[in-house]
PDB file of N, CA and C in Angstrom:
ATOM      1  N   MET A   1     112.021  99.708 117.827  1.00  0.00           N
ATOM      2  CA  MET A   1     112.660  98.641 117.093  1.00  0.00           C
ATOM      3  C   MET A   1     112.873  99.106 115.654  1.00  0.00           C
ATOM      4  N   SER A   2     114.058  98.930 115.132  1.00  0.00           N
ATOM      5  CA  SER A   2     114.327  99.308 113.750  1.00  0.00           C
ATOM      6  C   SER A   2     114.546  98.058 112.909  1.00  0.00           C
ATOM      7  N   LEU A   3     114.333  98.202 111.627  1.00  0.00           N
ATOM      8  CA  LEU A   3     114.462  97.102 110.693  1.00  0.00           C
ATOM      9  C   LEU A   3     115.475  97.493 109.638  1.00  0.00           C
ATOM     10  N   SER A   4     116.428  96.628 109.400  1.00  0.00           N
ATOM     11  CA  SER A   4     117.440  96.888 108.390  1.00  0.00           C
ATOM     12  C   SER A   4     117.246  95.903 107.240  1.00  0.00           C
ATOM     13  N   LEU A   5     116.879  96.411 106.080  1.00  0.00           N
ATOM     14  CA  LEU A   5     116.657  95.571 104.911  1.00  0.00           C
ATOM     15  C   LEU A   5     117.885  95.572 104.020  1.00  0.00           C
ATOM     16  N   LYS A   6     118.269  94.390 103.563  1.00  0.00           N
ATOM     17  CA  LYS A   6     119.361  94.280 102.608  1.00  0.00           C
ATOM     18  C   LYS A   6     118.842  93.904 101.230  1.00  0.00           C
ATOM     19  N   SER A   7     117.732  93.157 101.215  1.00  0.00           N
ATOM     20  CA  SER A   7     117.149  92.767  99.936  1.00  0.00           C
ATOM     21  C   SER A   7     115.644  92.610 100.074  1.00  0.00           C
ATOM     22  N   VAL A   8     114.975  92.735  98.915  1.00  0.00           N
ATOM     23  CA  VAL A   8     113.518  92.644  98.864  1.00  0.00           C
ATOM     24  C   VAL A   8     113.142  91.787  97.658  1.00  0.00           C
ATOM     25  N   LEU A   9     112.193  90.892  97.867  1.00  0.00           N
ATOM     26  CA  LEU A   9     111.629  90.097  96.786  1.00  0.00           C
ATOM     27  C   LEU A   9     110.238  90.642  96.492  1.00  0.00           C
ATOM     28  N   ILE A  10     110.030  91.067  95.244  1.00  0.00           N
ATOM     29  CA  ILE A  10     108.744  91.628  94.836  1.00  0.00           C
ATOM     30  C   ILE A  10     108.099  90.658  93.860  1.00  0.00           C
ATOM     31  N   THR A  11     106.873  90.226  94.176  1.00  0.00           N
ATOM     32  CA  THR A  11     106.187  89.248  93.329  1.00  0.00           C
ATOM     33  C   THR A  11     104.921  89.805  92.688  1.00  0.00           C
ATOM     34  N   ASP A  12     104.610  91.062  92.930  1.00  0.00           N
ATOM     35  CA  ASP A  12     103.466  91.724  92.311  1.00  0.00           C
ATOM     36  C   ASP A  12     103.962  92.915  91.502  1.00  0.00           C
ATOM     37  N   GLU A  13     103.168  93.311  90.528  1.00  0.00           N
ATOM     38  CA  GLU A  13     103.527  94.483  89.735  1.00  0.00           C
ATOM     39  C   GLU A  13     103.477  95.733  90.609  1.00  0.00           C
ATOM     40  N   ILE A  14     104.532  96.509  90.558  1.00  0.00           N
ATOM     41  CA  ILE A  14     104.565  97.806  91.229  1.00  0.00           C
ATOM     42  C   ILE A  14     105.239  98.798  90.291  1.00  0.00           C
ATOM     43  N   ASP A  15     105.066 100.047  90.563  1.00  0.00           N
ATOM     44  CA  ASP A  15     105.662 101.098  89.756  1.00  0.00           C
ATOM     45  C   ASP A  15     107.188 101.019  89.871  1.00  0.00           C
ATOM     46  N   GLU A  16     107.857 101.200  88.752  1.00  0.00           N
ATOM     47  CA  GLU A  16     109.321 101.165  88.730  1.00  0.00           C
ATOM     48  C   GLU A  16     109.934 102.214  89.652  1.00  0.00           C
ATOM     49  N   LYS A  17     109.197 103.296  89.917  1.00  0.00           N
ATOM     50  CA  LYS A  17     109.687 104.329  90.830  1.00  0.00           C
ATOM     51  C   LYS A  17     109.928 103.743  92.221  1.00  0.00           C
ATOM     52  N   CYS A  18     109.065 102.829  92.632  1.00  0.00           N
ATOM     53  CA  CYS A  18     109.224 102.183  93.945  1.00  0.00           C
ATOM     54  C   CYS A  18     110.518 101.367  93.996  1.00  0.00           C
ATOM     55  N   ILE A  19     110.785 100.654  92.929  1.00  0.00           N
ATOM     56  CA  ILE A  19     112.005  99.850  92.862  1.00  0.00           C
ATOM     57  C   ILE A  19     113.228 100.756  92.911  1.00  0.00           C
ATOM     58  N   LYS A  20     113.195 101.849  92.176  1.00  0.00           N
ATOM     59  CA  LYS A  20     114.315 102.801  92.166  1.00  0.00           C
ATOM     60  C   LYS A  20     114.556 103.394  93.556  1.00  0.00           C
ATOM     61  N   ILE A  21     113.483 103.706  94.280  1.00  0.00           N
ATOM     62  CA  ILE A  21     113.624 104.239  95.638  1.00  0.00           C
ATOM     63  C   ILE A  21     114.348 103.229  96.525  1.00  0.00           C
ATOM     64  N   LEU A  22     113.943 101.961  96.430  1.00  0.00           N
ATOM     65  CA  LEU A  22     114.592 100.914  97.235  1.00  0.00           C
ATOM     66  C   LEU A  22     116.065 100.773  96.849  1.00  0.00           C
ATOM     67  N   GLU A  23     116.335 100.692  95.555  1.00  0.00           N
ATOM     68  CA  GLU A  23     117.719 100.534  95.091  1.00  0.00           C
ATOM     69  C   GLU A  23     118.579 101.735  95.477  1.00  0.00           C
ATOM     70  N   ASN A  24     118.046 102.929  95.372  1.00  0.00           N
ATOM     71  CA  ASN A  24     118.791 104.136  95.745  1.00  0.00           C
ATOM     72  C   ASN A  24     119.063 104.189  97.248  1.00  0.00           C
ATOM     73  N   SER A  25     118.308 103.405  98.005  1.00  0.00           N
ATOM     74  CA  SER A  25     118.518 103.320  99.460  1.00  0.00           C
ATOM     75  C   SER A  25     119.474 102.187  99.818  1.00  0.00           C
ATOM     76  N   GLY A  26     120.055 101.552  98.795  1.00  0.00           N
ATOM     77  CA  GLY A  26     121.028 100.489  99.040  1.00  0.00           C
ATOM     78  C   GLY A  26     120.417  99.106  99.229  1.00  0.00           C
ATOM     79  N   ILE A  27     119.152  98.948  98.854  1.00  0.00           N
ATOM     80  CA  ILE A  27     118.466  97.666  99.007  1.00  0.00           C
ATOM     81  C   ILE A  27     118.478  96.931  97.674  1.00  0.00           C
ATOM     82  N   SER A  28     118.900  95.686  97.705  1.00  0.00           N
ATOM     83  CA  SER A  28     118.887  94.843  96.513  1.00  0.00           C
ATOM     84  C   SER A  28     117.452  94.397  96.241  1.00  0.00           C
ATOM     85  N   VAL A  29     117.006  94.545  94.986  1.00  0.00           N
ATOM     86  CA  VAL A  29     115.626  94.225  94.639  1.00  0.00           C
ATOM     87  C   VAL A  29     115.595  93.118  93.596  1.00  0.00           C
ATOM     88  N   LEU A  30     114.858  92.050  93.902  1.00  0.00           N
ATOM     89  CA  LEU A  30     114.586  90.991  92.942  1.00  0.00           C
ATOM     90  C   LEU A  30     113.097  91.044  92.654  1.00  0.00           C
ATOM     91  N   LYS A  31     112.742  91.325  91.405  1.00  0.00           N
ATOM     92  CA  LYS A  31     111.334  91.379  91.017  1.00  0.00           C
ATOM     93  C   LYS A  31     111.065  90.253  90.031  1.00  0.00           C
ATOM     94  N   ASN A  32     110.123  89.400  90.388  1.00  0.00           N
ATOM     95  CA  ASN A  32     109.701  88.326  89.498  1.00  0.00           C
ATOM     96  C   ASN A  32     108.220  88.087  89.754  1.00  0.00           C
ATOM     97  N   THR A  33     107.401  88.380  88.776  1.00  0.00           N
ATOM     98  CA  THR A  33     105.950  88.243  88.941  1.00  0.00           C
ATOM     99  C   THR A  33     105.421  86.938  88.362  1.00  0.00           C
ATOM    100  N   LYS A  34     106.327  86.083  87.937  1.00  0.00           N
ATOM    101  CA  LYS A  34     105.903  84.843  87.294  1.00  0.00           C
ATOM    102  C   LYS A  34     106.421  83.590  87.994  1.00  0.00           C
ATOM    103  N   PHE A  35     106.750  83.701  89.285  1.00  0.00           N
ATOM    104  CA  PHE A  35     107.196  82.533  90.033  1.00  0.00           C
ATOM    105  C   PHE A  35     106.092  81.481  90.101  1.00  0.00           C
ATOM    106  N   SER A  36     106.460  80.230  89.929  1.00  0.00           N
ATOM    107  CA  SER A  36     105.532  79.155  90.283  1.00  0.00           C
ATOM    108  C   SER A  36     105.570  79.024  91.801  1.00  0.00           C
ATOM    109  N   LYS A  37     104.654  78.294  92.370  1.00  0.00           N
ATOM    110  CA  LYS A  37     104.644  78.090  93.821  1.00  0.00           C
ATOM    111  C   LYS A  37     105.969  77.487  94.274  1.00  0.00           C
ATOM    112  N   GLU A  38     106.460  76.510  93.529  1.00  0.00           N
ATOM    113  CA  GLU A  38     107.703  75.838  93.889  1.00  0.00           C
ATOM    114  C   GLU A  38     108.902  76.788  93.832  1.00  0.00           C
ATOM    115  N   GLU A  39     108.960  77.609  92.781  1.00  0.00           N
ATOM    116  CA  GLU A  39     110.057  78.574  92.649  1.00  0.00           C
ATOM    117  C   GLU A  39     110.024  79.594  93.785  1.00  0.00           C
ATOM    118  N   LEU A  40     108.826  80.040  94.138  1.00  0.00           N
ATOM    119  CA  LEU A  40     108.688  81.002  95.225  1.00  0.00           C
ATOM    120  C   LEU A  40     109.155  80.399  96.545  1.00  0.00           C
ATOM    121  N   LEU A  41     108.792  79.151  96.793  1.00  0.00           N
ATOM    122  CA  LEU A  41     109.233  78.481  98.024  1.00  0.00           C
ATOM    123  C   LEU A  41     110.747  78.363  98.086  1.00  0.00           C
ATOM    124  N   VAL A  42     111.391  78.114  96.957  1.00  0.00           N
ATOM    125  CA  VAL A  42     112.854  78.034  96.912  1.00  0.00           C
ATOM    126  C   VAL A  42     113.465  79.391  97.260  1.00  0.00           C
ATOM    127  N   GLU A  43     112.931  80.458  96.679  1.00  0.00           N
ATOM    128  CA  GLU A  43     113.441  81.804  96.966  1.00  0.00           C
ATOM    129  C   GLU A  43     113.277  82.149  98.444  1.00  0.00           C
ATOM    130  N   ILE A  44     112.120  81.835  99.007  1.00  0.00           N
ATOM    131  CA  ILE A  44     111.877  82.120 100.420  1.00  0.00           C
ATOM    132  C   ILE A  44     112.807  81.293 101.294  1.00  0.00           C
ATOM    133  N   ALA A  45     112.986  80.033 100.947  1.00  0.00           N
ATOM    134  CA  ALA A  45     113.876  79.163 101.718  1.00  0.00           C
ATOM    135  C   ALA A  45     115.308  79.693 101.696  1.00  0.00           C
ATOM    136  N   ASP A  46     115.739  80.244 100.565  1.00  0.00           N
ATOM    137  CA  ASP A  46     117.085  80.824 100.480  1.00  0.00           C
ATOM    138  C   ASP A  46     117.253  81.964 101.466  1.00  0.00           C
ATOM    139  N   VAL A  47     116.224  82.769 101.628  1.00  0.00           N
ATOM    140  CA  VAL A  47     116.276  83.873 102.588  1.00  0.00           C
ATOM    141  C   VAL A  47     116.312  83.323 104.011  1.00  0.00           C
ATOM    142  N   PHE A  48     115.445  82.364 104.297  1.00  0.00           N
ATOM    143  CA  PHE A  48     115.355  81.828 105.654  1.00  0.00           C
ATOM    144  C   PHE A  48     116.612  81.081 106.084  1.00  0.00           C
ATOM    145  N   LYS A  49     117.328  80.464 105.148  1.00  0.00           N
ATOM    146  CA  LYS A  49     118.509  79.689 105.547  1.00  0.00           C
ATOM    147  C   LYS A  49     119.579  80.574 106.177  1.00  0.00           C
ATOM    148  N   PHE A  50     119.563  81.858 105.854  1.00  0.00           N
ATOM    149  CA  PHE A  50     120.517  82.786 106.446  1.00  0.00           C
ATOM    150  C   PHE A  50     120.106  83.220 107.848  1.00  0.00           C
ATOM    151  N   HIS A  51     118.883  82.880 108.238  1.00  0.00           N
ATOM    152  CA  HIS A  51     118.356  83.322 109.521  1.00  0.00           C
ATOM    153  C   HIS A  51     117.938  82.152 110.413  1.00  0.00           C
ATOM    154  N   GLU A  52     118.549  80.998 110.231  1.00  0.00           N
ATOM    155  CA  GLU A  52     118.129  79.801 110.961  1.00  0.00           C
ATOM    156  C   GLU A  52     118.187  79.979 112.470  1.00  0.00           C
ATOM    157  N   GLN A  53     119.085  80.786 112.955  1.00  0.00           N
ATOM    158  CA  GLN A  53     119.237  80.961 114.392  1.00  0.00           C
ATOM    159  C   GLN A  53     118.364  82.085 114.942  1.00  0.00           C
ATOM    160  N   SER A  54     117.640  82.752 114.068  1.00  0.00           N
ATOM    161  CA  SER A  54     116.809  83.863 114.525  1.00  0.00           C
ATOM    162  C   SER A  54     115.427  83.360 114.929  1.00  0.00           C
ATOM    163  N   SER A  55     114.569  84.274 115.276  1.00  0.00           N
ATOM    164  CA  SER A  55     113.228  83.908 115.728  1.00  0.00           C
ATOM    165  C   SER A  55     112.217  83.876 114.584  1.00  0.00           C
ATOM    166  N   LEU A  56     112.675  83.824 113.344  1.00  0.00           N
ATOM    167  CA  LEU A  56     111.741  83.777 112.218  1.00  0.00           C
ATOM    168  C   LEU A  56     110.906  82.505 112.287  1.00  0.00           C
ATOM    169  N   ASP A  57     109.672  82.605 111.886  1.00  0.00           N
ATOM    170  CA  ASP A  57     108.725  81.508 111.995  1.00  0.00           C
ATOM    171  C   ASP A  57     108.531  80.857 110.627  1.00  0.00           C
ATOM    172  N   TYR A  58     109.008  79.644 110.473  1.00  0.00           N
ATOM    173  CA  TYR A  58     108.907  78.948 109.194  1.00  0.00           C
ATOM    174  C   TYR A  58     107.467  78.552 108.863  1.00  0.00           C
ATOM    175  N   ARG A  59     106.572  78.640 109.819  1.00  0.00           N
ATOM    176  CA  ARG A  59     105.166  78.326 109.535  1.00  0.00           C
ATOM    177  C   ARG A  59     104.585  79.276 108.502  1.00  0.00           C
ATOM    178  N   ALA A  60     105.226  80.409 108.292  1.00  0.00           N
ATOM    179  CA  ALA A  60     104.745  81.372 107.311  1.00  0.00           C
ATOM    180  C   ALA A  60     104.713  80.761 105.906  1.00  0.00           C
ATOM    181  N   LEU A  61     105.592  79.811 105.628  1.00  0.00           N
ATOM    182  CA  LEU A  61     105.605  79.162 104.317  1.00  0.00           C
ATOM    183  C   LEU A  61     104.297  78.465 104.023  1.00  0.00           C
ATOM    184  N   LYS A  62     103.608  78.010 105.043  1.00  0.00           N
ATOM    185  CA  LYS A  62     102.346  77.301 104.866  1.00  0.00           C
ATOM    186  C   LYS A  62     101.230  78.235 104.428  1.00  0.00           C
ATOM    187  N   LEU A  63     101.441  79.536 104.520  1.00  0.00           N
ATOM    188  CA  LEU A  63     100.403  80.508 104.190  1.00  0.00           C
ATOM    189  C   LEU A  63     100.302  80.762 102.693  1.00  0.00           C
ATOM    190  N   ILE A  64     101.266  80.256 101.927  1.00  0.00           N
ATOM    191  CA  ILE A  64     101.257  80.493 100.481  1.00  0.00           C
ATOM    192  C   ILE A  64     100.203  79.576  99.857  1.00  0.00           C
ATOM    193  N   PRO A  65      99.222  80.153  99.187  1.00  0.00           N
ATOM    194  CA  PRO A  65      98.159  79.337  98.594  1.00  0.00           C
ATOM    195  C   PRO A  65      98.686  78.431  97.496  1.00  0.00           C
ATOM    196  N   GLY A  66      98.080  77.280  97.351  1.00  0.00           N
ATOM    197  CA  GLY A  66      98.514  76.304  96.353  1.00  0.00           C
ATOM    198  C   GLY A  66      97.579  76.239  95.225  1.00  0.00           C
TER     199      GLY A  66
END
């Protein structure tokens, strides 16, 4: 099984080299380490709305600590 990534949301500090590797591979990178819980849920929901017909499990949203 292969995975094709078009974009990545990064919410923890990582080395800029990692971001450059992703971008050089054609992956769009959004890095924000200061999301509130509500802002993070909005970003995740935006990703999931494009996959409503897929087998993605929305229960994963409940795993975000409050």
